[in-house]
Amino acid sequence: MNRNTCPLCAKPSSAAHAPFCSRGCKDRDLLQWLGEGYRIPGEPVDPEAQSRLDSADSRD
């Protein structure tokens, strides 16, 4: 992808919304992050350890 194109729709990027072309693409990208549409890979979680963490959180 060219440095001067929007990473979502490939239209020319706008200086006001860089690296996106518009407020719409900028907001769509943010919603992807907030809605867990983008994820960063990590180590698998042990289900038993997760349930212990969840039960400890519920006691707080």
PDB file of N, CA and C in Angstrom:
ATOM      1  N   MET A   1       0.846  -1.178   0.000  1.00  0.00           N
ATOM      2  CA  MET A   1       0.000   0.000   0.000  1.00  0.00           C
ATOM      3  C   MET A   1       0.890   1.239   0.000  1.00  0.00           C
ATOM      4  N   ASN A   2       0.534   2.158  -0.823  1.00  0.00           N
ATOM      5  CA  ASN A   2       1.281   3.407  -0.933  1.00  0.00           C
ATOM      6  C   ASN A   2       1.145   4.212   0.355  1.00  0.00           C
ATOM      7  N   ARG A   3       2.168   4.909   0.701  1.00  0.00           N
ATOM      8  CA  ARG A   3       2.190   5.723   1.914  1.00  0.00           C
ATOM      9  C   ARG A   3       1.153   6.844   1.893  1.00  0.00           C
ATOM     10  N   ASN A   4       0.748   7.252   0.706  1.00  0.00           N
ATOM     11  CA  ASN A   4      -0.194   8.356   0.567  1.00  0.00           C
ATOM     12  C   ASN A   4      -1.616   7.895   0.301  1.00  0.00           C
ATOM     13  N   THR A   5      -1.919   6.642   0.617  1.00  0.00           N
ATOM     14  CA  THR A   5      -3.272   6.137   0.435  1.00  0.00           C
ATOM     15  C   THR A   5      -3.837   5.679   1.767  1.00  0.00           C
ATOM     16  N   CYS A   6      -5.146   5.732   1.867  1.00  0.00           N
ATOM     17  CA  CYS A   6      -5.852   5.304   3.073  1.00  0.00           C
ATOM     18  C   CYS A   6      -5.668   3.798   3.260  1.00  0.00           C
ATOM     19  N   PRO A   7      -5.309   3.350   4.453  1.00  0.00           N
ATOM     20  CA  PRO A   7      -5.109   1.914   4.676  1.00  0.00           C
ATOM     21  C   PRO A   7      -6.407   1.108   4.624  1.00  0.00           C
ATOM     22  N   LEU A   8      -7.557   1.767   4.710  1.00  0.00           N
ATOM     23  CA  LEU A   8      -8.824   1.041   4.668  1.00  0.00           C
ATOM     24  C   LEU A   8      -9.435   0.968   3.276  1.00  0.00           C
ATOM     25  N   CYS A   9      -9.416   2.074   2.535  1.00  0.00           N
ATOM     26  CA  CYS A   9     -10.120   2.092   1.246  1.00  0.00           C
ATOM     27  C   CYS A   9      -9.224   2.405   0.055  1.00  0.00           C
ATOM     28  N   ALA A  10      -7.968   2.711   0.294  1.00  0.00           N
ATOM     29  CA  ALA A  10      -6.957   2.979  -0.742  1.00  0.00           C
ATOM     30  C   ALA A  10      -7.178   4.284  -1.507  1.00  0.00           C
ATOM     31  N   LYS A  11      -8.063   5.145  -1.027  1.00  0.00           N
ATOM     32  CA  LYS A  11      -8.200   6.476  -1.631  1.00  0.00           C
ATOM     33  C   LYS A  11      -7.030   7.333  -1.169  1.00  0.00           C
ATOM     34  N   PRO A  12      -6.754   8.439  -1.823  1.00  0.00           N
ATOM     35  CA  PRO A  12      -5.666   9.325  -1.381  1.00  0.00           C
ATOM     36  C   PRO A  12      -5.900   9.801   0.057  1.00  0.00           C
ATOM     37  N   SER A  13      -4.852   9.781   0.858  1.00  0.00           N
ATOM     38  CA  SER A  13      -4.997  10.199   2.252  1.00  0.00           C
ATOM     39  C   SER A  13      -5.129  11.712   2.353  1.00  0.00           C
ATOM     40  N   SER A  14      -5.720  12.151   3.455  1.00  0.00           N
ATOM     41  CA  SER A  14      -5.939  13.564   3.719  1.00  0.00           C
ATOM     42  C   SER A  14      -5.042  13.989   4.869  1.00  0.00           C
ATOM     43  N   ALA A  15      -4.407  15.143   4.760  1.00  0.00           N
ATOM     44  CA  ALA A  15      -3.529  15.627   5.829  1.00  0.00           C
ATOM     45  C   ALA A  15      -4.304  15.817   7.127  1.00  0.00           C
ATOM     46  N   ALA A  16      -5.558  16.194   7.032  1.00  0.00           N
ATOM     47  CA  ALA A  16      -6.382  16.420   8.227  1.00  0.00           C
ATOM     48  C   ALA A  16      -6.722  15.122   8.957  1.00  0.00           C
ATOM     49  N   HIS A  17      -6.708  13.988   8.234  1.00  0.00           N
ATOM     50  CA  HIS A  17      -7.099  12.707   8.830  1.00  0.00           C
ATOM     51  C   HIS A  17      -6.027  11.638   8.658  1.00  0.00           C
ATOM     52  N   ALA A  18      -4.794  12.047   8.401  1.00  0.00           N
ATOM     53  CA  ALA A  18      -3.705  11.118   8.099  1.00  0.00           C
ATOM     54  C   ALA A  18      -3.622  10.010   9.138  1.00  0.00           C
ATOM     55  N   PRO A  19      -3.376   8.798   8.737  1.00  0.00           N
ATOM     56  CA  PRO A  19      -3.103   8.335   7.377  1.00  0.00           C
ATOM     57  C   PRO A  19      -4.367   7.982   6.590  1.00  0.00           C
ATOM     58  N   PHE A  20      -5.519   8.349   7.112  1.00  0.00           N
ATOM     59  CA  PHE A  20      -6.787   8.004   6.464  1.00  0.00           C
ATOM     60  C   PHE A  20      -7.221   9.096   5.490  1.00  0.00           C
ATOM     61  N   CYS A  21      -8.235   8.786   4.678  1.00  0.00           N
ATOM     62  CA  CYS A  21      -8.720   9.740   3.690  1.00  0.00           C
ATOM     63  C   CYS A  21      -9.813  10.642   4.244  1.00  0.00           C
ATOM     64  N   SER A  22     -10.497  10.184   5.279  1.00  0.00           N
ATOM     65  CA  SER A  22     -11.642  10.935   5.792  1.00  0.00           C
ATOM     66  C   SER A  22     -11.890  10.588   7.259  1.00  0.00           C
ATOM     67  N   ARG A  23     -12.774  11.352   7.853  1.00  0.00           N
ATOM     68  CA  ARG A  23     -13.175  11.091   9.245  1.00  0.00           C
ATOM     69  C   ARG A  23     -13.872   9.732   9.337  1.00  0.00           C
ATOM     70  N   GLY A  24     -14.614   9.376   8.295  1.00  0.00           N
ATOM     71  CA  GLY A  24     -15.323   8.092   8.282  1.00  0.00           C
ATOM     72  C   GLY A  24     -14.369   6.905   8.382  1.00  0.00           C
ATOM     73  N   CYS A  25     -13.313   6.898   7.586  1.00  0.00           N
ATOM     74  CA  CYS A  25     -12.341   5.805   7.648  1.00  0.00           C
ATOM     75  C   CYS A  25     -11.598   5.818   8.980  1.00  0.00           C
ATOM     76  N   LYS A  26     -11.299   6.996   9.474  1.00  0.00           N
ATOM     77  CA  LYS A  26     -10.606   7.122  10.758  1.00  0.00           C
ATOM     78  C   LYS A  26     -11.471   6.529  11.879  1.00  0.00           C
ATOM     79  N   ASP A  27     -12.763   6.868  11.882  1.00  0.00           N
ATOM     80  CA  ASP A  27     -13.684   6.344  12.889  1.00  0.00           C
ATOM     81  C   ASP A  27     -13.906   4.845  12.733  1.00  0.00           C
ATOM     82  N   ARG A  28     -13.986   4.367  11.482  1.00  0.00           N
ATOM     83  CA  ARG A  28     -14.164   2.936  11.247  1.00  0.00           C
ATOM     84  C   ARG A  28     -12.990   2.139  11.807  1.00  0.00           C
ATOM     85  N   ASP A  29     -11.777   2.673  11.642  1.00  0.00           N
ATOM     86  CA  ASP A  29     -10.587   2.012  12.177  1.00  0.00           C
ATOM     87  C   ASP A  29     -10.638   1.975  13.707  1.00  0.00           C
ATOM     88  N   LEU A  30     -11.019   3.084  14.322  1.00  0.00           N
ATOM     89  CA  LEU A  30     -11.130   3.122  15.784  1.00  0.00           C
ATOM     90  C   LEU A  30     -12.164   2.117  16.277  1.00  0.00           C
ATOM     91  N   LEU A  31     -13.297   2.026  15.602  1.00  0.00           N
ATOM     92  CA  LEU A  31     -14.325   1.064  16.007  1.00  0.00           C
ATOM     93  C   LEU A  31     -13.838  -0.376  15.892  1.00  0.00           C
ATOM     94  N   GLN A  32     -12.990  -0.647  14.908  1.00  0.00           N
ATOM     95  CA  GLN A  32     -12.406  -1.988  14.797  1.00  0.00           C
ATOM     96  C   GLN A  32     -11.571  -2.313  16.035  1.00  0.00           C
ATOM     97  N   TRP A  33     -10.768  -1.350  16.497  1.00  0.00           N
ATOM     98  CA  TRP A  33      -9.954  -1.570  17.692  1.00  0.00           C
ATOM     99  C   TRP A  33     -10.825  -1.724  18.932  1.00  0.00           C
ATOM    100  N   LEU A  34     -11.819  -0.857  19.074  1.00  0.00           N
ATOM    101  CA  LEU A  34     -12.678  -0.899  20.258  1.00  0.00           C
ATOM    102  C   LEU A  34     -13.552  -2.142  20.287  1.00  0.00           C
ATOM    103  N   GLY A  35     -13.952  -2.621  19.128  1.00  0.00           N
ATOM    104  CA  GLY A  35     -14.799  -3.804  19.042  1.00  0.00           C
ATOM    105  C   GLY A  35     -14.022  -5.099  18.950  1.00  0.00           C
ATOM    106  N   GLU A  36     -12.732  -5.052  19.196  1.00  0.00           N
ATOM    107  CA  GLU A  36     -11.844  -6.209  19.144  1.00  0.00           C
ATOM    108  C   GLU A  36     -11.794  -6.841  17.752  1.00  0.00           C
ATOM    109  N   GLY A  37     -11.986  -6.020  16.720  1.00  0.00           N
ATOM    110  CA  GLY A  37     -11.846  -6.500  15.351  1.00  0.00           C
ATOM    111  C   GLY A  37     -10.393  -6.722  14.978  1.00  0.00           C
ATOM    112  N   TYR A  38      -9.514  -5.966  15.607  1.00  0.00           N
ATOM    113  CA  TYR A  38      -8.079  -6.151  15.426  1.00  0.00           C
ATOM    114  C   TYR A  38      -7.553  -6.789  16.702  1.00  0.00           C
ATOM    115  N   ARG A  39      -6.679  -7.727  16.551  1.00  0.00           N
ATOM    116  CA  ARG A  39      -6.085  -8.379  17.725  1.00  0.00           C
ATOM    117  C   ARG A  39      -4.594  -8.548  17.509  1.00  0.00           C
ATOM    118  N   ILE A  40      -3.866  -8.448  18.580  1.00  0.00           N
ATOM    119  CA  ILE A  40      -2.426  -8.663  18.553  1.00  0.00           C
ATOM    120  C   ILE A  40      -2.188 -10.063  19.089  1.00  0.00           C
ATOM    121  N   PRO A  41      -1.521 -10.926  18.316  1.00  0.00           N
ATOM    122  CA  PRO A  41      -1.328 -12.301  18.767  1.00  0.00           C
ATOM    123  C   PRO A  41      -0.487 -12.376  20.030  1.00  0.00           C
ATOM    124  N   GLY A  42      -0.796 -13.346  20.835  1.00  0.00           N
ATOM    125  CA  GLY A  42      -0.054 -13.565  22.068  1.00  0.00           C
ATOM    126  C   GLY A  42      -0.063 -15.041  22.416  1.00  0.00           C
ATOM    127  N   GLU A  43       0.459 -15.333  23.561  1.00  0.00           N
ATOM    128  CA  GLU A  43       0.492 -16.711  24.036  1.00  0.00           C
ATOM    129  C   GLU A  43      -0.924 -17.183  24.375  1.00  0.00           C
ATOM    130  N   PRO A  44      -1.216 -18.476  24.153  1.00  0.00           N
ATOM    131  CA  PRO A  44      -2.524 -19.010  24.533  1.00  0.00           C
ATOM    132  C   PRO A  44      -2.727 -18.879  26.048  1.00  0.00           C
ATOM    133  N   VAL A  45      -3.963 -18.648  26.447  1.00  0.00           N
ATOM    134  CA  VAL A  45      -4.292 -18.507  27.859  1.00  0.00           C
ATOM    135  C   VAL A  45      -4.756 -19.854  28.400  1.00  0.00           C
ATOM    136  N   ASP A  46      -4.236 -20.233  29.563  1.00  0.00           N
ATOM    137  CA  ASP A  46      -4.660 -21.450  30.234  1.00  0.00           C
ATOM    138  C   ASP A  46      -6.075 -21.232  30.775  1.00  0.00           C
ATOM    139  N   PRO A  47      -7.066 -22.044  30.358  1.00  0.00           N
ATOM    140  CA  PRO A  47      -8.444 -21.830  30.796  1.00  0.00           C
ATOM    141  C   PRO A  47      -8.610 -21.844  32.321  1.00  0.00           C
ATOM    142  N   GLU A  48      -7.854 -22.701  33.017  1.00  0.00           N
ATOM    143  CA  GLU A  48      -7.955 -22.753  34.473  1.00  0.00           C
ATOM    144  C   GLU A  48      -7.419 -21.474  35.106  1.00  0.00           C
ATOM    145  N   ALA A  49      -6.319 -20.968  34.607  1.00  0.00           N
ATOM    146  CA  ALA A  49      -5.755 -19.726  35.128  1.00  0.00           C
ATOM    147  C   ALA A  49      -6.718 -18.568  34.865  1.00  0.00           C
ATOM    148  N   GLN A  50      -7.346 -18.568  33.696  1.00  0.00           N
ATOM    149  CA  GLN A  50      -8.301 -17.512  33.370  1.00  0.00           C
ATOM    150  C   GLN A  50      -9.502 -17.551  34.315  1.00  0.00           C
ATOM    151  N   SER A  51     -10.002 -18.744  34.624  1.00  0.00           N
ATOM    152  CA  SER A  51     -11.159 -18.839  35.525  1.00  0.00           C
ATOM    153  C   SER A  51     -10.788 -18.382  36.928  1.00  0.00           C
ATOM    154  N   ARG A  52      -9.554 -18.640  37.367  1.00  0.00           N
ATOM    155  CA  ARG A  52      -9.106 -18.134  38.684  1.00  0.00           C
ATOM    156  C   ARG A  52      -9.048 -16.625  38.677  1.00  0.00           C
ATOM    157  N   LEU A  53      -8.540 -16.036  37.581  1.00  0.00           N
ATOM    158  CA  LEU A  53      -8.484 -14.572  37.473  1.00  0.00           C
ATOM    159  C   LEU A  53      -9.890 -13.978  37.459  1.00  0.00           C
ATOM    160  N   ASP A  54     -10.807 -14.615  36.728  1.00  0.00           N
ATOM    161  CA  ASP A  54     -12.177 -14.130  36.654  1.00  0.00           C
ATOM    162  C   ASP A  54     -12.853 -14.172  38.014  1.00  0.00           C
ATOM    163  N   SER A  55     -12.641 -15.253  38.769  1.00  0.00           N
ATOM    164  CA  SER A  55     -13.276 -15.358  40.092  1.00  0.00           C
ATOM    165  C   SER A  55     -12.656 -14.377  41.075  1.00  0.00           C
ATOM    166  N   ALA A  56     -11.366 -14.097  40.945  1.00  0.00           N
ATOM    167  CA  ALA A  56     -10.727 -13.104  41.804  1.00  0.00           C
ATOM    168  C   ALA A  56     -11.265 -11.704  41.492  1.00  0.00           C
ATOM    169  N   ASP A  57     -11.525 -11.412  40.224  1.00  0.00           N
ATOM    170  CA  ASP A  57     -12.073 -10.113  39.826  1.00  0.00           C
ATOM    171  C   ASP A  57     -13.493  -9.940  40.352  1.00  0.00           C
ATOM    172  N   SER A  58     -14.258 -11.002  40.391  1.00  0.00           N
ATOM    173  CA  SER A  58     -15.647 -10.882  40.828  1.00  0.00           C
ATOM    174  C   SER A  58     -15.748 -10.638  42.334  1.00  0.00           C
ATOM    175  N   ARG A  59     -14.702 -10.970  43.083  1.00  0.00           N
ATOM    176  CA  ARG A  59     -14.697 -10.741  44.541  1.00  0.00           C
ATOM    177  C   ARG A  59     -14.398  -9.290  44.892  1.00  0.00           C
ATOM    178  N   ASP A  60     -13.789  -8.551  43.966  1.00  0.00           N
ATOM    179  CA  ASP A  60     -13.406  -7.153  44.251  1.00  0.00           C
ATOM    180  C   ASP A  60     -14.577  -6.234  44.311  1.00  0.00           C
TER     181      ASP A  60
END
